Amino acid sequence: LMNTFLLLIKKKLIDAFKASKVEIIDNSSKHKGHKFFQEEKFHLKIIIESKYLKSLNRIDAHRKVKQILKEEFKKIHALELKIN
């Protein structure tokens, strides 16, 4: 289940932003002790290489990623985004 979810995110980002590389790191296990930790929600770090996203300012780039992953955000608690 987990891998399918991450692969879906990866594919969506590559398709939407012509990303040459998308790396997804699942940090969920690091947050187990946190007050609002939910087993079914993910803590992800995503590194995207995309000329298009890089050309936008940071806030617009983050907004675009959030729009593309709108459905997936129901299962994401925290997202750290790095755009190269």
PDB file of N, CA and C in Angstrom:
ATOM      1  N   LEU A   1       0.854  -1.216   0.000  1.00  0.00           N
ATOM      2  CA  LEU A   1       0.000   0.000   0.000  1.00  0.00           C
ATOM      3  C   LEU A   1       0.876   1.247   0.000  1.00  0.00           C
ATOM      4  N   MET A   2       1.817   1.266   0.906  1.00  0.00           N
ATOM      5  CA  MET A   2       2.701   2.409   1.055  1.00  0.00           C
ATOM      6  C   MET A   2       3.434   2.728  -0.249  1.00  0.00           C
ATOM      7  N   ASN A   3       4.046   1.700  -0.845  1.00  0.00           N
ATOM      8  CA  ASN A   3       4.805   1.918  -2.067  1.00  0.00           C
ATOM      9  C   ASN A   3       3.943   2.391  -3.219  1.00  0.00           C
ATOM     10  N   THR A   4       2.743   1.853  -3.319  1.00  0.00           N
ATOM     11  CA  THR A   4       1.807   2.263  -4.367  1.00  0.00           C
ATOM     12  C   THR A   4       1.484   3.741  -4.223  1.00  0.00           C
ATOM     13  N   PHE A   5       1.271   4.171  -3.004  1.00  0.00           N
ATOM     14  CA  PHE A   5       0.953   5.573  -2.709  1.00  0.00           C
ATOM     15  C   PHE A   5       2.116   6.476  -3.120  1.00  0.00           C
ATOM     16  N   LEU A   6       3.325   6.103  -2.753  1.00  0.00           N
ATOM     17  CA  LEU A   6       4.495   6.915  -3.080  1.00  0.00           C
ATOM     18  C   LEU A   6       4.763   6.926  -4.580  1.00  0.00           C
ATOM     19  N   LEU A   7       4.537   5.787  -5.228  1.00  0.00           N
ATOM     20  CA  LEU A   7       4.724   5.729  -6.685  1.00  0.00           C
ATOM     21  C   LEU A   7       3.717   6.615  -7.404  1.00  0.00           C
ATOM     22  N   LEU A   8       2.499   6.658  -6.888  1.00  0.00           N
ATOM     23  CA  LEU A   8       1.467   7.514  -7.465  1.00  0.00           C
ATOM     24  C   LEU A   8       1.887   8.988  -7.360  1.00  0.00           C
ATOM     25  N   ILE A   9       2.370   9.370  -6.197  1.00  0.00           N
ATOM     26  CA  ILE A   9       2.833  10.746  -5.988  1.00  0.00           C
ATOM     27  C   ILE A   9       3.963  11.058  -6.973  1.00  0.00           C
ATOM     28  N   LYS A  10       4.913  10.136  -7.064  1.00  0.00           N
ATOM     29  CA  LYS A  10       6.067  10.326  -7.948  1.00  0.00           C
ATOM     30  C   LYS A  10       5.617  10.529  -9.398  1.00  0.00           C
ATOM     31  N   LYS A  11       4.735   9.666  -9.855  1.00  0.00           N
ATOM     32  CA  LYS A  11       4.252   9.744 -11.232  1.00  0.00           C
ATOM     33  C   LYS A  11       3.520  11.060 -11.486  1.00  0.00           C
ATOM     34  N   LYS A  12       2.677  11.455 -10.553  1.00  0.00           N
ATOM     35  CA  LYS A  12       1.927  12.707 -10.712  1.00  0.00           C
ATOM     36  C   LYS A  12       2.869  13.904 -10.830  1.00  0.00           C
ATOM     37  N   LEU A  13       3.906  13.923  -9.998  1.00  0.00           N
ATOM     38  CA  LEU A  13       4.850  15.043 -10.007  1.00  0.00           C
ATOM     39  C   LEU A  13       5.687  15.060 -11.285  1.00  0.00           C
ATOM     40  N   ILE A  14       6.113  13.893 -11.725  1.00  0.00           N
ATOM     41  CA  ILE A  14       6.895  13.813 -12.964  1.00  0.00           C
ATOM     42  C   ILE A  14       6.044  14.277 -14.145  1.00  0.00           C
ATOM     43  N   ASP A  15       4.813  13.783 -14.206  1.00  0.00           N
ATOM     44  CA  ASP A  15       3.924  14.147 -15.317  1.00  0.00           C
ATOM     45  C   ASP A  15       3.575  15.632 -15.306  1.00  0.00           C
ATOM     46  N   ALA A  16       3.270  16.153 -14.146  1.00  0.00           N
ATOM     47  CA  ALA A  16       2.795  17.539 -14.048  1.00  0.00           C
ATOM     48  C   ALA A  16       3.911  18.557 -14.280  1.00  0.00           C
ATOM     49  N   PHE A  17       5.098  18.252 -13.809  1.00  0.00           N
ATOM     50  CA  PHE A  17       6.163  19.257 -13.823  1.00  0.00           C
ATOM     51  C   PHE A  17       7.368  18.854 -14.661  1.00  0.00           C
ATOM     52  N   LYS A  18       7.195  17.835 -15.508  1.00  0.00           N
ATOM     53  CA  LYS A  18       8.302  17.370 -16.338  1.00  0.00           C
ATOM     54  C   LYS A  18       9.573  17.222 -15.499  1.00  0.00           C
ATOM     55  N   ALA A  19       9.394  16.673 -14.322  1.00  0.00           N
ATOM     56  CA  ALA A  19      10.522  16.539 -13.397  1.00  0.00           C
ATOM     57  C   ALA A  19      11.505  15.506 -13.918  1.00  0.00           C
ATOM     58  N   SER A  20      12.769  15.843 -13.859  1.00  0.00           N
ATOM     59  CA  SER A  20      13.783  14.888 -14.306  1.00  0.00           C
ATOM     60  C   SER A  20      14.086  13.886 -13.200  1.00  0.00           C
ATOM     61  N   LYS A  21      13.747  14.267 -11.965  1.00  0.00           N
ATOM     62  CA  LYS A  21      13.985  13.363 -10.847  1.00  0.00           C
ATOM     63  C   LYS A  21      13.033  13.710  -9.705  1.00  0.00           C
ATOM     64  N   VAL A  22      12.476  12.688  -9.089  1.00  0.00           N
ATOM     65  CA  VAL A  22      11.643  12.872  -7.900  1.00  0.00           C
ATOM     66  C   VAL A  22      12.083  11.826  -6.885  1.00  0.00           C
ATOM     67  N   GLU A  23      12.497  12.308  -5.718  1.00  0.00           N
ATOM     68  CA  GLU A  23      12.896  11.399  -4.649  1.00  0.00           C
ATOM     69  C   GLU A  23      11.949  11.621  -3.486  1.00  0.00           C
ATOM     70  N   ILE A  24      11.395  10.525  -2.970  1.00  0.00           N
ATOM     71  CA  ILE A  24      10.458  10.636  -1.855  1.00  0.00           C
ATOM     72  C   ILE A  24      11.025   9.878  -0.665  1.00  0.00           C
ATOM     73  N   ILE A  25      11.152  10.571   0.443  1.00  0.00           N
ATOM     74  CA  ILE A  25      11.670   9.973   1.668  1.00  0.00           C
ATOM     75  C   ILE A  25      10.537   9.948   2.686  1.00  0.00           C
ATOM     76  N   ASP A  26      10.243   8.762   3.179  1.00  0.00           N
ATOM     77  CA  ASP A  26       9.169   8.614   4.160  1.00  0.00           C
ATOM     78  C   ASP A  26       9.767   8.717   5.560  1.00  0.00           C
ATOM     79  N   ASN A  27       9.464   9.818   6.234  1.00  0.00           N
ATOM     80  CA  ASN A  27       9.973  10.057   7.588  1.00  0.00           C
ATOM     81  C   ASN A  27       8.931   9.748   8.657  1.00  0.00           C
ATOM     82  N   SER A  28       7.859   9.073   8.297  1.00  0.00           N
ATOM     83  CA  SER A  28       6.748   8.839   9.213  1.00  0.00           C
ATOM     84  C   SER A  28       7.205   8.205  10.526  1.00  0.00           C
ATOM     85  N   SER A  29       8.092   7.222  10.446  1.00  0.00           N
ATOM     86  CA  SER A  29       8.502   6.490  11.642  1.00  0.00           C
ATOM     87  C   SER A  29       9.228   7.377  12.652  1.00  0.00           C
ATOM     88  N   LYS A  30       9.829   8.457  12.185  1.00  0.00           N
ATOM     89  CA  LYS A  30      10.547   9.373  13.087  1.00  0.00           C
ATOM     90  C   LYS A  30       9.588  10.174  13.969  1.00  0.00           C
ATOM     91  N   HIS A  31       8.297  10.166  13.622  1.00  0.00           N
ATOM     92  CA  HIS A  31       7.340  11.036  14.308  1.00  0.00           C
ATOM     93  C   HIS A  31       6.383  10.265  15.203  1.00  0.00           C
ATOM     94  N   LYS A  32       6.673   9.009  15.438  1.00  0.00           N
ATOM     95  CA  LYS A  32       5.746   8.155  16.199  1.00  0.00           C
ATOM     96  C   LYS A  32       5.363   8.707  17.576  1.00  0.00           C
ATOM     97  N   GLY A  33       6.296   9.342  18.257  1.00  0.00           N
ATOM     98  CA  GLY A  33       6.017   9.824  19.601  1.00  0.00           C
ATOM     99  C   GLY A  33       5.268  11.147  19.652  1.00  0.00           C
ATOM    100  N   HIS A  34       5.087  11.800  18.522  1.00  0.00           N
ATOM    101  CA  HIS A  34       4.486  13.132  18.511  1.00  0.00           C
ATOM    102  C   HIS A  34       3.011  13.124  18.903  1.00  0.00           C
ATOM    103  N   LYS A  35       2.612  14.214  19.476  1.00  0.00           N
ATOM    104  CA  LYS A  35       1.266  14.361  20.002  1.00  0.00           C
ATOM    105  C   LYS A  35       0.176  14.049  18.969  1.00  0.00           C
ATOM    106  N   PHE A  36       0.334  14.569  17.774  1.00  0.00           N
ATOM    107  CA  PHE A  36      -0.735  14.402  16.776  1.00  0.00           C
ATOM    108  C   PHE A  36      -0.418  13.310  15.767  1.00  0.00           C
ATOM    109  N   PHE A  37       0.496  12.411  16.117  1.00  0.00           N
ATOM    110  CA  PHE A  37       0.872  11.351  15.185  1.00  0.00           C
ATOM    111  C   PHE A  37      -0.316  10.458  14.869  1.00  0.00           C
ATOM    112  N   GLN A  38      -0.524  10.209  13.575  1.00  0.00           N
ATOM    113  CA  GLN A  38      -1.573   9.283  13.144  1.00  0.00           C
ATOM    114  C   GLN A  38      -0.911   8.232  12.268  1.00  0.00           C
ATOM    115  N   GLU A  39      -1.111   6.995  12.626  1.00  0.00           N
ATOM    116  CA  GLU A  39      -0.488   5.869  11.906  1.00  0.00           C
ATOM    117  C   GLU A  39      -0.754   5.923  10.409  1.00  0.00           C
ATOM    118  N   GLU A  40      -1.955   6.345  10.027  1.00  0.00           N
ATOM    119  CA  GLU A  40      -2.337   6.285   8.612  1.00  0.00           C
ATOM    120  C   GLU A  40      -1.911   7.518   7.807  1.00  0.00           C
ATOM    121  N   LYS A  41      -1.290   8.492   8.471  1.00  0.00           N
ATOM    122  CA  LYS A  41      -0.856   9.689   7.749  1.00  0.00           C
ATOM    123  C   LYS A  41       0.663   9.725   7.625  1.00  0.00           C
ATOM    124  N   PHE A  42       1.108  10.228   6.497  1.00  0.00           N
ATOM    125  CA  PHE A  42       2.538  10.203   6.187  1.00  0.00           C
ATOM    126  C   PHE A  42       3.256  11.521   6.473  1.00  0.00           C
ATOM    127  N   HIS A  43       4.509  11.398   6.862  1.00  0.00           N
ATOM    128  CA  HIS A  43       5.431  12.524   6.945  1.00  0.00           C
ATOM    129  C   HIS A  43       6.423  12.302   5.814  1.00  0.00           C
ATOM    130  N   LEU A  44       6.376  13.148   4.808  1.00  0.00           N
ATOM    131  CA  LEU A  44       7.203  12.911   3.640  1.00  0.00           C
ATOM    132  C   LEU A  44       8.151  14.069   3.362  1.00  0.00           C
ATOM    133  N   LYS A  45       9.287  13.718   2.813  1.00  0.00           N
ATOM    134  CA  LYS A  45      10.190  14.721   2.262  1.00  0.00           C
ATOM    135  C   LYS A  45      10.292  14.392   0.783  1.00  0.00           C
ATOM    136  N   ILE A  46      10.009  15.380  -0.054  1.00  0.00           N
ATOM    137  CA  ILE A  46      10.052  15.158  -1.491  1.00  0.00           C
ATOM    138  C   ILE A  46      11.079  16.109  -2.106  1.00  0.00           C
ATOM    139  N   ILE A  47      11.972  15.529  -2.878  1.00  0.00           N
ATOM    140  CA  ILE A  47      12.976  16.324  -3.589  1.00  0.00           C
ATOM    141  C   ILE A  47      12.646  16.214  -5.073  1.00  0.00           C
ATOM    142  N   ILE A  48      12.379  17.363  -5.689  1.00  0.00           N
ATOM    143  CA  ILE A  48      11.970  17.386  -7.094  1.00  0.00           C
ATOM    144  C   ILE A  48      12.990  18.172  -7.909  1.00  0.00           C
ATOM    145  N   GLU A  49      13.417  17.588  -9.006  1.00  0.00           N
ATOM    146  CA  GLU A  49      14.237  18.339  -9.959  1.00  0.00           C
ATOM    147  C   GLU A  49      13.342  18.704 -11.133  1.00  0.00           C
ATOM    148  N   SER A  50      13.033  19.989 -11.218  1.00  0.00           N
ATOM    149  CA  SER A  50      12.135  20.467 -12.269  1.00  0.00           C
ATOM    150  C   SER A  50      12.494  21.907 -12.619  1.00  0.00           C
ATOM    151  N   LYS A  51      12.849  22.115 -13.871  1.00  0.00           N
ATOM    152  CA  LYS A  51      13.178  23.482 -14.317  1.00  0.00           C
ATOM    153  C   LYS A  51      11.972  24.401 -14.142  1.00  0.00           C
ATOM    154  N   TYR A  52      10.791  23.843 -14.449  1.00  0.00           N
ATOM    155  CA  TYR A  52       9.571  24.637 -14.340  1.00  0.00           C
ATOM    156  C   TYR A  52       9.333  25.108 -12.900  1.00  0.00           C
ATOM    157  N   LEU A  53       9.359  24.183 -11.949  1.00  0.00           N
ATOM    158  CA  LEU A  53       9.122  24.562 -10.548  1.00  0.00           C
ATOM    159  C   LEU A  53      10.214  25.496 -10.056  1.00  0.00           C
ATOM    160  N   LYS A  54      11.442  25.246 -10.498  1.00  0.00           N
ATOM    161  CA  LYS A  54      12.575  26.070 -10.083  1.00  0.00           C
ATOM    162  C   LYS A  54      12.413  27.511 -10.580  1.00  0.00           C
ATOM    163  N   SER A  55      11.704  27.672 -11.704  1.00  0.00           N
ATOM    164  CA  SER A  55      11.514  29.012 -12.275  1.00  0.00           C
ATOM    165  C   SER A  55      10.480  29.840 -11.503  1.00  0.00           C
ATOM    166  N   LEU A  56       9.681  29.171 -10.676  1.00  0.00           N
ATOM    167  CA  LEU A  56       8.661  29.878  -9.886  1.00  0.00           C
ATOM    168  C   LEU A  56       9.253  30.319  -8.555  1.00  0.00           C
ATOM    169  N   ASN A  57       8.578  31.272  -7.914  1.00  0.00           N
ATOM    170  CA  ASN A  57       9.027  31.567  -6.549  1.00  0.00           C
ATOM    171  C   ASN A  57       8.572  30.416  -5.651  1.00  0.00           C
ATOM    172  N   ARG A  58       9.183  30.334  -4.481  1.00  0.00           N
ATOM    173  CA  ARG A  58       8.998  29.181  -3.600  1.00  0.00           C
ATOM    174  C   ARG A  58       7.531  28.923  -3.255  1.00  0.00           C
ATOM    175  N   ILE A  59       6.818  29.976  -2.916  1.00  0.00           N
ATOM    176  CA  ILE A  59       5.420  29.821  -2.499  1.00  0.00           C
ATOM    177  C   ILE A  59       4.557  29.309  -3.645  1.00  0.00           C
ATOM    178  N   ASP A  60       4.760  29.862  -4.848  1.00  0.00           N
ATOM    179  CA  ASP A  60       3.990  29.400  -6.008  1.00  0.00           C
ATOM    180  C   ASP A  60       4.307  27.947  -6.347  1.00  0.00           C
ATOM    181  N   ALA A  61       5.578  27.593  -6.245  1.00  0.00           N
ATOM    182  CA  ALA A  61       5.985  26.213  -6.531  1.00  0.00           C
ATOM    183  C   ALA A  61       5.319  25.253  -5.548  1.00  0.00           C
ATOM    184  N   HIS A  62       5.338  25.609  -4.274  1.00  0.00           N
ATOM    185  CA  HIS A  62       4.709  24.769  -3.244  1.00  0.00           C
ATOM    186  C   HIS A  62       3.203  24.664  -3.489  1.00  0.00           C
ATOM    187  N   ARG A  63       2.605  25.779  -3.872  1.00  0.00           N
ATOM    188  CA  ARG A  63       1.166  25.803  -4.137  1.00  0.00           C
ATOM    189  C   ARG A  63       0.815  24.858  -5.292  1.00  0.00           C
ATOM    190  N   LYS A  64       1.623  24.886  -6.336  1.00  0.00           N
ATOM    191  CA  LYS A  64       1.387  24.015  -7.503  1.00  0.00           C
ATOM    192  C   LYS A  64       1.484  22.543  -7.111  1.00  0.00           C
ATOM    193  N   VAL A  65       2.483  22.215  -6.317  1.00  0.00           N
ATOM    194  CA  VAL A  65       2.655  20.835  -5.874  1.00  0.00           C
ATOM    195  C   VAL A  65       1.440  20.414  -5.051  1.00  0.00           C
ATOM    196  N   LYS A  66       0.996  21.288  -4.165  1.00  0.00           N
ATOM    197  CA  LYS A  66      -0.178  20.981  -3.335  1.00  0.00           C
ATOM    198  C   LYS A  66      -1.426  20.764  -4.176  1.00  0.00           C
ATOM    199  N   GLN A  67      -1.581  21.567  -5.239  1.00  0.00           N
ATOM    200  CA  GLN A  67      -2.749  21.404  -6.120  1.00  0.00           C
ATOM    201  C   GLN A  67      -2.716  20.038  -6.796  1.00  0.00           C
ATOM    202  N   ILE A  68      -1.550  19.646  -7.284  1.00  0.00           N
ATOM    203  CA  ILE A  68      -1.411  18.375  -7.983  1.00  0.00           C
ATOM    204  C   ILE A  68      -1.679  17.204  -7.036  1.00  0.00           C
ATOM    205  N   LEU A  69      -1.250  17.357  -5.786  1.00  0.00           N
ATOM    206  CA  LEU A  69      -1.383  16.254  -4.813  1.00  0.00           C
ATOM    207  C   LEU A  69      -2.573  16.436  -3.870  1.00  0.00           C
ATOM    208  N   LYS A  70      -3.577  17.179  -4.320  1.00  0.00           N
ATOM    209  CA  LYS A  70      -4.730  17.492  -3.484  1.00  0.00           C
ATOM    210  C   LYS A  70      -5.352  16.244  -2.831  1.00  0.00           C
ATOM    211  N   GLU A  71      -5.623  15.234  -3.647  1.00  0.00           N
ATOM    212  CA  GLU A  71      -6.207  13.993  -3.139  1.00  0.00           C
ATOM    213  C   GLU A  71      -5.278  13.312  -2.131  1.00  0.00           C
ATOM    214  N   GLU A  72      -3.995  13.264  -2.488  1.00  0.00           N
ATOM    215  CA  GLU A  72      -3.011  12.570  -1.655  1.00  0.00           C
ATOM    216  C   GLU A  72      -2.825  13.270  -0.310  1.00  0.00           C
ATOM    217  N   PHE A  73      -3.071  14.574  -0.284  1.00  0.00           N
ATOM    218  CA  PHE A  73      -2.874  15.309   0.970  1.00  0.00           C
ATOM    219  C   PHE A  73      -3.802  14.858   2.087  1.00  0.00           C
ATOM    220  N   LYS A  74      -4.854  14.153   1.739  1.00  0.00           N
ATOM    221  CA  LYS A  74      -5.738  13.597   2.765  1.00  0.00           C
ATOM    222  C   LYS A  74      -4.981  12.577   3.612  1.00  0.00           C
ATOM    223  N   LYS A  75      -3.907  12.013   3.031  1.00  0.00           N
ATOM    224  CA  LYS A  75      -3.125  11.000   3.738  1.00  0.00           C
ATOM    225  C   LYS A  75      -1.721  11.494   4.115  1.00  0.00           C
ATOM    226  N   ILE A  76      -1.479  12.792   3.910  1.00  0.00           N
ATOM    227  CA  ILE A  76      -0.162  13.344   4.254  1.00  0.00           C
ATOM    228  C   ILE A  76      -0.339  14.319   5.415  1.00  0.00           C
ATOM    229  N   HIS A  77       0.379  14.081   6.492  1.00  0.00           N
ATOM    230  CA  HIS A  77       0.319  14.978   7.637  1.00  0.00           C
ATOM    231  C   HIS A  77       1.319  16.109   7.485  1.00  0.00           C
ATOM    232  N   ALA A  78       2.516  15.770   7.024  1.00  0.00           N
ATOM    233  CA  ALA A  78       3.562  16.775   6.876  1.00  0.00           C
ATOM    234  C   ALA A  78       4.344  16.528   5.599  1.00  0.00           C
ATOM    235  N   LEU A  79       4.666  17.619   4.908  1.00  0.00           N
ATOM    236  CA  LEU A  79       5.424  17.510   3.670  1.00  0.00           C
ATOM    237  C   LEU A  79       6.550  18.539   3.675  1.00  0.00           C
ATOM    238  N   GLU A  80       7.746  18.027   3.525  1.00  0.00           N
ATOM    239  CA  GLU A  80       8.908  18.893   3.371  1.00  0.00           C
ATOM    240  C   GLU A  80       9.257  18.820   1.895  1.00  0.00           C
ATOM    241  N   LEU A  81       9.363  19.975   1.260  1.00  0.00           N
ATOM    242  CA  LEU A  81       9.562  20.010  -0.182  1.00  0.00           C
ATOM    243  C   LEU A  81      10.863  20.709  -0.519  1.00  0.00           C
ATOM    244  N   LYS A  82      11.670  20.065  -1.336  1.00  0.00           N
ATOM    245  CA  LYS A  82      12.903  20.682  -1.804  1.00  0.00           C
ATOM    246  C   LYS A  82      12.874  20.657  -3.320  1.00  0.00           C
ATOM    247  N   ILE A  83      13.054  21.819  -3.917  1.00  0.00           N
ATOM    248  CA  ILE A  83      13.002  21.916  -5.373  1.00  0.00           C
ATOM    249  C   ILE A  83      14.378  22.304  -5.899  1.00  0.00           C
ATOM    250  N   ASN A  84      14.895  21.475  -6.778  1.00  0.00           N
ATOM    251  CA  ASN A  84      16.222  21.735  -7.374  1.00  0.00           C
ATOM    252  C   ASN A  84      16.084  22.097  -8.841  1.00  0.00           C
TER     253      ASN A  84
END
